Amino acid sequence: MKPHLDKVKDIKARVVTLKEQLKAHKKQKAFRSVIIELQQQIKTQEKKARKAQVKANAIDASVYDLKAVNPNAIAKVDTRTPMEVIENIEAQGEIVSAALAKLKTLMAEPN
């Protein structure tokens, strides 16, 4: 990670120098081709810096992954067949229907 961050720092320093040169050339009203070339160099250097930063961030994210995950947890696997799942859903539906019916009767009773 450190080499990538050092590379980013070096590239950004070069970009600052190029931008200063560009500013000076613009003040001196230099040839348009010189200005365009400097602008292209700045773009490519900034792109290189972003790529190096992305690499450093990827390394940082993988090394310092602080998710709250228990590595010793046992994963539960549902081994029921599709028919067993359907039967369970129907049974739960009956329980809900019975509870709703009871609730309706309670709501219908006057206090």
C-alpha atoms as a PDB file:
ATOM      1  CA  MET A   1       0.000   0.000   0.000  1.00  0.00           C
ATOM      2  CA  LYS A   2       2.803   2.400   0.914  1.00  0.00           C
ATOM      3  CA  PRO A   3       4.456   2.242  -2.535  1.00  0.00           C
ATOM      4  CA  HIS A   4       1.145   3.194  -4.152  1.00  0.00           C
ATOM      5  CA  LEU A   5       0.636   6.094  -1.756  1.00  0.00           C
ATOM      6  CA  ASP A   6       4.199   7.277  -2.391  1.00  0.00           C
ATOM      7  CA  LYS A   7       3.527   7.065  -6.114  1.00  0.00           C
ATOM      8  CA  VAL A   8       0.352   9.145  -5.660  1.00  0.00           C
ATOM      9  CA  LYS A   9       2.311  11.774  -3.728  1.00  0.00           C
ATOM     10  CA  ASP A  10       5.024  11.946  -6.420  1.00  0.00           C
ATOM     11  CA  ILE A  11       2.517  12.183  -9.245  1.00  0.00           C
ATOM     12  CA  LYS A  12       0.522  14.902  -7.480  1.00  0.00           C
ATOM     13  CA  ALA A  13       3.738  16.875  -6.979  1.00  0.00           C
ATOM     14  CA  ARG A  14       4.424  16.579 -10.720  1.00  0.00           C
ATOM     15  CA  VAL A  15       0.875  17.726 -11.454  1.00  0.00           C
ATOM     16  CA  VAL A  16       1.365  20.813  -9.295  1.00  0.00           C
ATOM     17  CA  THR A  17       4.562  21.615 -11.190  1.00  0.00           C
ATOM     18  CA  LEU A  18       2.815  21.110 -14.529  1.00  0.00           C
ATOM     19  CA  LYS A  19      -0.067  23.346 -13.454  1.00  0.00           C
ATOM     20  CA  GLU A  20       2.381  26.070 -12.459  1.00  0.00           C
ATOM     21  CA  GLN A  21       4.062  25.752 -15.846  1.00  0.00           C
ATOM     22  CA  LEU A  22       0.678  25.922 -17.561  1.00  0.00           C
ATOM     23  CA  LYS A  23      -0.237  29.037 -15.624  1.00  0.00           C
ATOM     24  CA  ALA A  24       3.070  30.675 -16.558  1.00  0.00           C
ATOM     25  CA  HIS A  25       2.647  29.770 -20.240  1.00  0.00           C
ATOM     26  CA  LYS A  26      -0.880  31.166 -20.249  1.00  0.00           C
ATOM     27  CA  LYS A  27       0.393  34.450 -18.739  1.00  0.00           C
ATOM     28  CA  GLN A  28       3.113  34.631 -21.374  1.00  0.00           C
ATOM     29  CA  LYS A  29       0.532  33.822 -24.040  1.00  0.00           C
ATOM     30  CA  ALA A  30       2.567  30.896 -25.304  1.00  0.00           C
ATOM     31  CA  PHE A  31       1.703  28.873 -28.363  1.00  0.00           C
ATOM     32  CA  ARG A  32      -1.617  27.053 -28.158  1.00  0.00           C
ATOM     33  CA  SER A  33       0.114  23.717 -28.892  1.00  0.00           C
ATOM     34  CA  VAL A  34       2.318  24.086 -25.800  1.00  0.00           C
ATOM     35  CA  ILE A  35      -0.702  24.828 -23.616  1.00  0.00           C
ATOM     36  CA  ILE A  36      -2.654  21.877 -25.023  1.00  0.00           C
ATOM     37  CA  GLU A  37       0.316  19.565 -24.492  1.00  0.00           C
ATOM     38  CA  LEU A  38       0.636  20.658 -20.855  1.00  0.00           C
ATOM     39  CA  GLN A  39      -3.105  20.165 -20.322  1.00  0.00           C
ATOM     40  CA  GLN A  40      -2.827  16.638 -21.750  1.00  0.00           C
ATOM     41  CA  GLN A  41       0.128  15.866 -19.490  1.00  0.00           C
ATOM     42  CA  ILE A  42      -1.836  17.110 -16.477  1.00  0.00           C
ATOM     43  CA  LYS A  43      -4.798  14.906 -17.394  1.00  0.00           C
ATOM     44  CA  THR A  44      -2.669  11.800 -17.829  1.00  0.00           C
ATOM     45  CA  GLN A  45      -0.778  12.411 -14.584  1.00  0.00           C
ATOM     46  CA  GLU A  46      -4.003  12.970 -12.660  1.00  0.00           C
ATOM     47  CA  LYS A  47      -5.391   9.750 -14.134  1.00  0.00           C
ATOM     48  CA  LYS A  48      -2.265   7.870 -13.023  1.00  0.00           C
ATOM     49  CA  ALA A  49      -2.620   9.336  -9.535  1.00  0.00           C
ATOM     50  CA  ARG A  50      -6.262   8.248  -9.313  1.00  0.00           C
ATOM     51  CA  LYS A  51      -5.385   4.711 -10.437  1.00  0.00           C
ATOM     52  CA  ALA A  52      -2.615   4.435  -7.855  1.00  0.00           C
ATOM     53  CA  GLN A  53      -4.964   5.800  -5.173  1.00  0.00           C
ATOM     54  CA  VAL A  54      -7.593   3.217  -6.120  1.00  0.00           C
ATOM     55  CA  LYS A  55      -5.007   0.439  -5.785  1.00  0.00           C
ATOM     56  CA  ALA A  56      -3.960   1.734  -2.380  1.00  0.00           C
ATOM     57  CA  ASN A  57      -7.588   2.010  -1.246  1.00  0.00           C
ATOM     58  CA  ALA A  58      -8.312  -1.545  -2.418  1.00  0.00           C
ATOM     59  CA  ILE A  59      -5.340  -2.885  -0.469  1.00  0.00           C
ATOM     60  CA  ASP A  60      -6.359  -0.860   2.572  1.00  0.00           C
ATOM     61  CA  ALA A  61      -9.940  -2.130   2.401  1.00  0.00           C
ATOM     62  CA  SER A  62      -8.883  -5.757   2.114  1.00  0.00           C
ATOM     63  CA  VAL A  63      -6.289  -5.589   4.893  1.00  0.00           C
ATOM     64  CA  TYR A  64      -8.334  -3.594   7.370  1.00  0.00           C
ATOM     65  CA  ASP A  65     -11.707  -5.224   6.895  1.00  0.00           C
ATOM     66  CA  LEU A  66     -13.520  -4.521  10.176  1.00  0.00           C
ATOM     67  CA  LYS A  67     -16.825  -6.234   9.500  1.00  0.00           C
ATOM     68  CA  ALA A  68     -18.547  -7.725  12.520  1.00  0.00           C
ATOM     69  CA  VAL A  69     -18.589 -11.299  11.254  1.00  0.00           C
ATOM     70  CA  ASN A  70     -18.151 -14.337  13.456  1.00  0.00           C
ATOM     71  CA  PRO A  71     -15.814 -16.730  11.620  1.00  0.00           C
ATOM     72  CA  ASN A  72     -16.896 -19.585  13.917  1.00  0.00           C
ATOM     73  CA  ALA A  73     -20.599 -19.224  13.166  1.00  0.00           C
ATOM     74  CA  ILE A  74     -22.260 -22.259  11.653  1.00  0.00           C
ATOM     75  CA  ALA A  75     -24.316 -21.509   8.580  1.00  0.00           C
ATOM     76  CA  LYS A  76     -27.890 -22.808   8.692  1.00  0.00           C
ATOM     77  CA  VAL A  77     -28.958 -24.631   5.573  1.00  0.00           C
ATOM     78  CA  ASP A  78     -32.609 -25.249   4.759  1.00  0.00           C
ATOM     79  CA  THR A  79     -32.857 -28.910   3.778  1.00  0.00           C
ATOM     80  CA  ARG A  80     -36.621 -28.994   3.341  1.00  0.00           C
ATOM     81  CA  THR A  81     -38.131 -30.022   0.054  1.00  0.00           C
ATOM     82  CA  PRO A  82     -40.311 -27.548  -1.835  1.00  0.00           C
ATOM     83  CA  MET A  83     -43.428 -29.461  -0.761  1.00  0.00           C
ATOM     84  CA  GLU A  84     -42.406 -29.253   2.900  1.00  0.00           C
ATOM     85  CA  VAL A  85     -41.933 -25.491   2.519  1.00  0.00           C
ATOM     86  CA  ILE A  86     -45.405 -25.155   0.939  1.00  0.00           C
ATOM     87  CA  GLU A  87     -46.966 -27.238   3.730  1.00  0.00           C
ATOM     88  CA  ASN A  88     -45.254 -25.056   6.340  1.00  0.00           C
ATOM     89  CA  ILE A  89     -46.550 -21.897   4.645  1.00  0.00           C
ATOM     90  CA  GLU A  90     -50.077 -23.323   4.620  1.00  0.00           C
ATOM     91  CA  ALA A  91     -49.804 -24.232   8.320  1.00  0.00           C
ATOM     92  CA  GLN A  92     -48.604 -20.718   9.176  1.00  0.00           C
ATOM     93  CA  GLY A  93     -51.458 -19.313   7.069  1.00  0.00           C
ATOM     94  CA  GLU A  94     -53.962 -21.306   9.153  1.00  0.00           C
ATOM     95  CA  ILE A  95     -52.442 -19.937  12.364  1.00  0.00           C
ATOM     96  CA  VAL A  96     -52.746 -16.374  11.025  1.00  0.00           C
ATOM     97  CA  SER A  97     -56.332 -16.986   9.912  1.00  0.00           C
ATOM     98  CA  ALA A  98     -57.266 -18.304  13.380  1.00  0.00           C
ATOM     99  CA  ALA A  99     -55.638 -15.304  15.055  1.00  0.00           C
ATOM    100  CA  LEU A 100     -57.473 -12.874  12.750  1.00  0.00           C
ATOM    101  CA  ALA A 101     -60.795 -14.589  13.424  1.00  0.00           C
ATOM    102  CA  LYS A 102     -60.229 -14.322  17.170  1.00  0.00           C
ATOM    103  CA  LEU A 103     -59.257 -10.674  16.810  1.00  0.00           C
ATOM    104  CA  LYS A 104     -62.430  -9.949  14.825  1.00  0.00           C
ATOM    105  CA  THR A 105     -64.594 -11.512  17.522  1.00  0.00           C
ATOM    106  CA  LEU A 106     -62.827  -9.479  20.195  1.00  0.00           C
ATOM    107  CA  MET A 107     -63.299  -6.289  18.207  1.00  0.00           C
ATOM    108  CA  ALA A 108     -67.007  -7.086  17.653  1.00  0.00           C
ATOM    109  CA  GLU A 109     -67.768  -7.582  21.366  1.00  0.00           C
ATOM    110  CA  PRO A 110     -69.164  -4.478  23.068  1.00  0.00           C
ATOM    111  CA  ASN A 111     -67.385  -3.371  26.223  1.00  0.00           C
END
